[in-house]
Each structure stands twice: as structure tokens, then as C-alpha cells.
Amino acid sequence: MSKNIKVTKESNTGLNKEFYDPSRGKSMTRGEFVEEIKNGKYPDYHVLDLEGKKIPRSNPDNSKRNNLG
């Protein structure tokens, strides 16, 4: 799976809340995306636990073009 996930909704504070995977035609909430990552469906991503919130993150590389946003 490539790093092509798009953020489609953010909170007032900038927290990514909803995502879209164009390769699968699938919209996901943050919780759904986190579960998919944990289940190994998105190997280019990992989950960060930040102040009790599970945050999807793309794995680091040298490109800024493929960051979530």
C-alpha cells in the first residue's frame, strides 16, 4: 500500500479525524484507520499514542510530499 491516504476532515485544533484511501475507494474515521493500521493493512503507517489518543502517522522517509494532510 502506498502512502496516498488523504485527510478529509480535521477538528478545530487540527487533529485529523477522517481519511480517504483513493486506491480502495474507502473513507475511514480516525478509529477505523487506526484499526486497519494495527491489522497490517497499511504497512507504510504506524500508530502514535499521544495523550490517550491514537494518532495515525506515515512512516518516516525523505519525502514531504506523502505526509498526511
PDB file of N, CA and C in Angstrom:
ATOM      1  N   MET A   1       0.851  -1.173   0.000  1.00  0.00           N
ATOM      2  CA  MET A   1       0.000   0.000   0.000  1.00  0.00           C
ATOM      3  C   MET A   1       0.893   1.232   0.000  1.00  0.00           C
ATOM      4  N   SER A   2       0.660   2.121  -0.859  1.00  0.00           N
ATOM      5  CA  SER A   2       1.480   3.334  -0.906  1.00  0.00           C
ATOM      6  C   SER A   2       0.942   4.387   0.056  1.00  0.00           C
ATOM      7  N   LYS A   3       1.750   5.398   0.259  1.00  0.00           N
ATOM      8  CA  LYS A   3       1.361   6.490   1.160  1.00  0.00           C
ATOM      9  C   LYS A   3       0.493   7.493   0.407  1.00  0.00           C
ATOM     10  N   ASN A   4      -0.729   7.124   0.136  1.00  0.00           N
ATOM     11  CA  ASN A   4      -1.611   8.021  -0.614  1.00  0.00           C
ATOM     12  C   ASN A   4      -2.891   8.346   0.143  1.00  0.00           C
ATOM     13  N   ILE A   5      -2.904   8.127   1.440  1.00  0.00           N
ATOM     14  CA  ILE A   5      -4.080   8.418   2.253  1.00  0.00           C
ATOM     15  C   ILE A   5      -4.253   9.929   2.369  1.00  0.00           C
ATOM     16  N   LYS A   6      -5.472  10.390   2.208  1.00  0.00           N
ATOM     17  CA  LYS A   6      -5.777  11.822   2.292  1.00  0.00           C
ATOM     18  C   LYS A   6      -6.610  12.108   3.540  1.00  0.00           C
ATOM     19  N   VAL A   7      -6.324  13.208   4.195  1.00  0.00           N
ATOM     20  CA  VAL A   7      -7.138  13.665   5.321  1.00  0.00           C
ATOM     21  C   VAL A   7      -8.317  14.439   4.743  1.00  0.00           C
ATOM     22  N   THR A   8      -9.540  14.069   5.146  1.00  0.00           N
ATOM     23  CA  THR A   8     -10.729  14.733   4.612  1.00  0.00           C
ATOM     24  C   THR A   8     -11.450  15.587   5.648  1.00  0.00           C
ATOM     25  N   LYS A   9     -11.093  15.422   6.932  1.00  0.00           N
ATOM     26  CA  LYS A   9     -11.728  16.236   7.972  1.00  0.00           C
ATOM     27  C   LYS A   9     -10.776  16.398   9.145  1.00  0.00           C
ATOM     28  N   GLU A  10     -10.686  17.645   9.635  1.00  0.00           N
ATOM     29  CA  GLU A  10      -9.877  17.964  10.808  1.00  0.00           C
ATOM     30  C   GLU A  10     -10.752  18.622  11.869  1.00  0.00           C
ATOM     31  N   SER A  11     -10.326  18.496  13.134  1.00  0.00           N
ATOM     32  CA  SER A  11     -11.003  19.208  14.218  1.00  0.00           C
ATOM     33  C   SER A  11     -10.539  20.662  14.228  1.00  0.00           C
ATOM     34  N   ASN A  12     -11.124  21.467  15.098  1.00  0.00           N
ATOM     35  CA  ASN A  12     -10.717  22.877  15.233  1.00  0.00           C
ATOM     36  C   ASN A  12      -9.256  23.014  15.622  1.00  0.00           C
ATOM     37  N   THR A  13      -8.736  21.998  16.332  1.00  0.00           N
ATOM     38  CA  THR A  13      -7.342  22.042  16.785  1.00  0.00           C
ATOM     39  C   THR A  13      -6.373  21.444  15.776  1.00  0.00           C
ATOM     40  N   GLY A  14      -6.891  20.940  14.663  1.00  0.00           N
ATOM     41  CA  GLY A  14      -6.034  20.373  13.624  1.00  0.00           C
ATOM     42  C   GLY A  14      -5.848  18.870  13.707  1.00  0.00           C
ATOM     43  N   LEU A  15      -6.557  18.209  14.629  1.00  0.00           N
ATOM     44  CA  LEU A  15      -6.483  16.755  14.734  1.00  0.00           C
ATOM     45  C   LEU A  15      -7.157  16.134  13.516  1.00  0.00           C
ATOM     46  N   ASN A  16      -6.454  15.242  12.825  1.00  0.00           N
ATOM     47  CA  ASN A  16      -7.023  14.550  11.673  1.00  0.00           C
ATOM     48  C   ASN A  16      -8.109  13.597  12.158  1.00  0.00           C
ATOM     49  N   LYS A  17      -9.330  13.755  11.628  1.00  0.00           N
ATOM     50  CA  LYS A  17     -10.471  12.973  12.103  1.00  0.00           C
ATOM     51  C   LYS A  17     -10.986  11.968  11.087  1.00  0.00           C
ATOM     52  N   GLU A  18     -10.923  12.301   9.798  1.00  0.00           N
ATOM     53  CA  GLU A  18     -11.425  11.399   8.762  1.00  0.00           C
ATOM     54  C   GLU A  18     -10.422  11.326   7.627  1.00  0.00           C
ATOM     55  N   PHE A  19     -10.383  10.145   6.997  1.00  0.00           N
ATOM     56  CA  PHE A  19      -9.371   9.856   5.990  1.00  0.00           C
ATOM     57  C   PHE A  19     -10.020   9.196   4.780  1.00  0.00           C
ATOM     58  N   TYR A  20      -9.321   9.277   3.651  1.00  0.00           N
ATOM     59  CA  TYR A  20      -9.797   8.635   2.426  1.00  0.00           C
ATOM     60  C   TYR A  20      -8.632   7.931   1.752  1.00  0.00           C
ATOM     61  N   ASP A  21      -8.856   6.673   1.391  1.00  0.00           N
ATOM     62  CA  ASP A  21      -7.869   5.884   0.656  1.00  0.00           C
ATOM     63  C   ASP A  21      -8.353   5.765  -0.785  1.00  0.00           C
ATOM     64  N   PRO A  22      -7.783   6.549  -1.712  1.00  0.00           N
ATOM     65  CA  PRO A  22      -8.257   6.514  -3.098  1.00  0.00           C
ATOM     66  C   PRO A  22      -7.998   5.181  -3.797  1.00  0.00           C
ATOM     67  N   SER A  23      -6.989   4.439  -3.376  1.00  0.00           N
ATOM     68  CA  SER A  23      -6.701   3.163  -4.033  1.00  0.00           C
ATOM     69  C   SER A  23      -7.764   2.113  -3.718  1.00  0.00           C
ATOM     70  N   ARG A  24      -8.454   2.259  -2.587  1.00  0.00           N
ATOM     71  CA  ARG A  24      -9.514   1.329  -2.203  1.00  0.00           C
ATOM     72  C   ARG A  24     -10.894   1.968  -2.269  1.00  0.00           C
ATOM     73  N   GLY A  25     -10.939   3.283  -2.537  1.00  0.00           N
ATOM     74  CA  GLY A  25     -12.218   3.986  -2.566  1.00  0.00           C
ATOM     75  C   GLY A  25     -12.915   3.952  -1.219  1.00  0.00           C
ATOM     76  N   LYS A  26     -12.129   4.055  -0.143  1.00  0.00           N
ATOM     77  CA  LYS A  26     -12.666   3.862   1.202  1.00  0.00           C
ATOM     78  C   LYS A  26     -12.461   5.091   2.069  1.00  0.00           C
ATOM     79  N   SER A  27     -13.544   5.567   2.697  1.00  0.00           N
ATOM     80  CA  SER A  27     -13.477   6.621   3.709  1.00  0.00           C
ATOM     81  C   SER A  27     -13.421   5.958   5.076  1.00  0.00           C
ATOM     82  N   MET A  28     -12.647   6.555   5.999  1.00  0.00           N
ATOM     83  CA  MET A  28     -12.479   5.975   7.332  1.00  0.00           C
ATOM     84  C   MET A  28     -12.422   7.071   8.385  1.00  0.00           C
ATOM     85  N   THR A  29     -12.949   6.766   9.561  1.00  0.00           N
ATOM     86  CA  THR A  29     -12.731   7.631  10.712  1.00  0.00           C
ATOM     87  C   THR A  29     -11.309   7.381  11.217  1.00  0.00           C
ATOM     88  N   ARG A  30     -10.867   8.213  12.141  1.00  0.00           N
ATOM     89  CA  ARG A  30      -9.533   8.012  12.719  1.00  0.00           C
ATOM     90  C   ARG A  30      -9.457   6.640  13.388  1.00  0.00           C
ATOM     91  N   GLY A  31     -10.490   6.272  14.137  1.00  0.00           N
ATOM     92  CA  GLY A  31     -10.511   4.974  14.809  1.00  0.00           C
ATOM     93  C   GLY A  31     -10.459   3.801  13.843  1.00  0.00           C
ATOM     94  N   GLU A  32     -11.206   3.905  12.752  1.00  0.00           N
ATOM     95  CA  GLU A  32     -11.188   2.840  11.743  1.00  0.00           C
ATOM     96  C   GLU A  32      -9.816   2.735  11.092  1.00  0.00           C
ATOM     97  N   PHE A  33      -9.213   3.876  10.776  1.00  0.00           N
ATOM     98  CA  PHE A  33      -7.892   3.873  10.152  1.00  0.00           C
ATOM     99  C   PHE A  33      -6.856   3.281  11.104  1.00  0.00           C
ATOM    100  N   VAL A  34      -6.937   3.637  12.381  1.00  0.00           N
ATOM    101  CA  VAL A  34      -6.022   3.079  13.386  1.00  0.00           C
ATOM    102  C   VAL A  34      -6.143   1.554  13.416  1.00  0.00           C
ATOM    103  N   GLU A  35      -7.363   1.030  13.426  1.00  0.00           N
ATOM    104  CA  GLU A  35      -7.562  -0.425  13.452  1.00  0.00           C
ATOM    105  C   GLU A  35      -6.996  -1.085  12.201  1.00  0.00           C
ATOM    106  N   GLU A  36      -7.200  -0.467  11.046  1.00  0.00           N
ATOM    107  CA  GLU A  36      -6.665  -1.014   9.792  1.00  0.00           C
ATOM    108  C   GLU A  36      -5.132  -1.054   9.836  1.00  0.00           C
ATOM    109  N   ILE A  37      -4.521  -0.013  10.390  1.00  0.00           N
ATOM    110  CA  ILE A  37      -3.060   0.017  10.531  1.00  0.00           C
ATOM    111  C   ILE A  37      -2.618  -1.110  11.460  1.00  0.00           C
ATOM    112  N   LYS A  38      -3.278  -1.239  12.607  1.00  0.00           N
ATOM    113  CA  LYS A  38      -2.926  -2.288  13.572  1.00  0.00           C
ATOM    114  C   LYS A  38      -3.098  -3.683  12.984  1.00  0.00           C
ATOM    115  N   ASN A  39      -4.056  -3.846  12.081  1.00  0.00           N
ATOM    116  CA  ASN A  39      -4.305  -5.139  11.440  1.00  0.00           C
ATOM    117  C   ASN A  39      -3.385  -5.394  10.252  1.00  0.00           C
ATOM    118  N   GLY A  40      -2.456  -4.486   9.998  1.00  0.00           N
ATOM    119  CA  GLY A  40      -1.457  -4.704   8.955  1.00  0.00           C
ATOM    120  C   GLY A  40      -1.883  -4.330   7.553  1.00  0.00           C
ATOM    121  N   LYS A  41      -3.013  -3.654   7.396  1.00  0.00           N
ATOM    122  CA  LYS A  41      -3.490  -3.309   6.055  1.00  0.00           C
ATOM    123  C   LYS A  41      -2.778  -2.096   5.464  1.00  0.00           C
ATOM    124  N   TYR A  42      -2.079  -1.334   6.310  1.00  0.00           N
ATOM    125  CA  TYR A  42      -1.351  -0.146   5.857  1.00  0.00           C
ATOM    126  C   TYR A  42       0.069  -0.177   6.429  1.00  0.00           C
ATOM    127  N   PRO A  43       0.956  -0.973   5.821  1.00  0.00           N
ATOM    128  CA  PRO A  43       2.313  -1.132   6.364  1.00  0.00           C
ATOM    129  C   PRO A  43       3.165   0.129   6.306  1.00  0.00           C
ATOM    130  N   ASP A  44       2.764   1.115   5.537  1.00  0.00           N
ATOM    131  CA  ASP A  44       3.523   2.370   5.452  1.00  0.00           C
ATOM    132  C   ASP A  44       3.130   3.359   6.547  1.00  0.00           C
ATOM    133  N   TYR A  45       2.297   2.914   7.498  1.00  0.00           N
ATOM    134  CA  TYR A  45       1.807   3.774   8.575  1.00  0.00           C
ATOM    135  C   TYR A  45       1.991   3.088   9.921  1.00  0.00           C
ATOM    136  N   HIS A  46       2.036   3.883  10.981  1.00  0.00           N
ATOM    137  CA  HIS A  46       2.080   3.373  12.348  1.00  0.00           C
ATOM    138  C   HIS A  46       1.149   4.227  13.203  1.00  0.00           C
ATOM    139  N   VAL A  47       0.919   3.787  14.439  1.00  0.00           N
ATOM    140  CA  VAL A  47       0.006   4.491  15.340  1.00  0.00           C
ATOM    141  C   VAL A  47       0.801   5.056  16.511  1.00  0.00           C
ATOM    142  N   LEU A  48       0.625   6.335  16.754  1.00  0.00           N
ATOM    143  CA  LEU A  48       1.249   7.036  17.867  1.00  0.00           C
ATOM    144  C   LEU A  48       0.198   7.226  18.958  1.00  0.00           C
ATOM    145  N   ASP A  49       0.552   6.889  20.196  1.00  0.00           N
ATOM    146  CA  ASP A  49      -0.347   7.123  21.328  1.00  0.00           C
ATOM    147  C   ASP A  49       0.061   8.446  21.956  1.00  0.00           C
ATOM    148  N   LEU A  50      -0.768   9.472  21.767  1.00  0.00           N
ATOM    149  CA  LEU A  50      -0.454  10.820  22.232  1.00  0.00           C
ATOM    150  C   LEU A  50      -1.550  11.300  23.178  1.00  0.00           C
ATOM    151  N   GLU A  51      -1.223  11.397  24.451  1.00  0.00           N
ATOM    152  CA  GLU A  51      -2.174  11.865  25.466  1.00  0.00           C
ATOM    153  C   GLU A  51      -3.486  11.084  25.424  1.00  0.00           C
ATOM    154  N   GLY A  52      -3.374   9.772  25.257  1.00  0.00           N
ATOM    155  CA  GLY A  52      -4.545   8.905  25.242  1.00  0.00           C
ATOM    156  C   GLY A  52      -5.254   8.807  23.908  1.00  0.00           C
ATOM    157  N   LYS A  53      -4.803   9.538  22.910  1.00  0.00           N
ATOM    158  CA  LYS A  53      -5.403   9.477  21.576  1.00  0.00           C
ATOM    159  C   LYS A  53      -4.500   8.659  20.661  1.00  0.00           C
ATOM    160  N   LYS A  54      -5.112   7.820  19.850  1.00  0.00           N
ATOM    161  CA  LYS A  54      -4.382   7.036  18.859  1.00  0.00           C
ATOM    162  C   LYS A  54      -4.308   7.860  17.576  1.00  0.00           C
ATOM    163  N   ILE A  55      -3.083   8.173  17.156  1.00  0.00           N
ATOM    164  CA  ILE A  55      -2.865   9.061  16.020  1.00  0.00           C
ATOM    165  C   ILE A  55      -2.186   8.296  14.883  1.00  0.00           C
ATOM    166  N   PRO A  56      -2.831   8.183  13.703  1.00  0.00           N
ATOM    167  CA  PRO A  56      -2.171   7.550  12.556  1.00  0.00           C
ATOM    168  C   PRO A  56      -1.044   8.442  12.039  1.00  0.00           C
ATOM    169  N   ARG A  57       0.088   7.824  11.743  1.00  0.00           N
ATOM    170  CA  ARG A  57       1.238   8.567  11.216  1.00  0.00           C
ATOM    171  C   ARG A  57       1.845   7.767  10.074  1.00  0.00           C
ATOM    172  N   SER A  58       2.302   8.465   9.054  1.00  0.00           N
ATOM    173  CA  SER A  58       3.032   7.768   7.996  1.00  0.00           C
ATOM    174  C   SER A  58       4.440   7.492   8.496  1.00  0.00           C
ATOM    175  N   ASN A  59       4.998   6.351   8.082  1.00  0.00           N
ATOM    176  CA  ASN A  59       6.360   6.015   8.468  1.00  0.00           C
ATOM    177  C   ASN A  59       7.314   7.019   7.847  1.00  0.00           C
ATOM    178  N   PRO A  60       8.368   7.397   8.561  1.00  0.00           N
ATOM    179  CA  PRO A  60       9.283   8.422   8.051  1.00  0.00           C
ATOM    180  C   PRO A  60      10.053   7.961   6.817  1.00  0.00           C
ATOM    181  N   ASP A  61      10.257   8.904   5.926  1.00  0.00           N
ATOM    182  CA  ASP A  61      11.144   8.715   4.781  1.00  0.00           C
ATOM    183  C   ASP A  61      11.672  10.098   4.411  1.00  0.00           C
ATOM    184  N   ASN A  62      12.256  10.234   3.260  1.00  0.00           N
ATOM    185  CA  ASN A  62      12.864  11.509   2.868  1.00  0.00           C
ATOM    186  C   ASN A  62      11.931  12.431   2.099  1.00  0.00           C
ATOM    187  N   SER A  63      10.666  12.050   1.939  1.00  0.00           N
ATOM    188  CA  SER A  63       9.735  12.836   1.134  1.00  0.00           C
ATOM    189  C   SER A  63       8.729  13.572   2.011  1.00  0.00           C
ATOM    190  N   LYS A  64       8.502  14.847   1.726  1.00  0.00           N
ATOM    191  CA  LYS A  64       7.448  15.601   2.410  1.00  0.00           C
ATOM    192  C   LYS A  64       6.138  15.526   1.629  1.00  0.00           C
ATOM    193  N   ARG A  65       6.186  15.069   0.379  1.00  0.00           N
ATOM    194  CA  ARG A  65       5.002  15.010  -0.480  1.00  0.00           C
ATOM    195  C   ARG A  65       3.971  14.005   0.008  1.00  0.00           C
ATOM    196  N   ASN A  66       4.399  12.968   0.725  1.00  0.00           N
ATOM    197  CA  ASN A  66       3.468  11.905   1.074  1.00  0.00           C
ATOM    198  C   ASN A  66       3.057  11.926   2.543  1.00  0.00           C
ATOM    199  N   ASN A  67       3.252  13.038   3.239  1.00  0.00           N
ATOM    200  CA  ASN A  67       2.795  13.156   4.616  1.00  0.00           C
ATOM    201  C   ASN A  67       1.281  13.306   4.641  1.00  0.00           C
ATOM    202  N   LEU A  68       0.658  12.858   5.726  1.00  0.00           N
ATOM    203  CA  LEU A  68      -0.791  13.029   5.852  1.00  0.00           C
ATOM    204  C   LEU A  68      -1.124  14.509   5.852  1.00  0.00           C
ATOM    205  N   GLY A  69      -2.182  14.865   5.179  1.00  0.00           N
ATOM    206  CA  GLY A  69      -2.588  16.261   5.162  1.00  0.00           C
ATOM    207  C   GLY A  69      -3.416  16.582   3.968  1.00  0.00           C
TER     208      GLY A  69
END
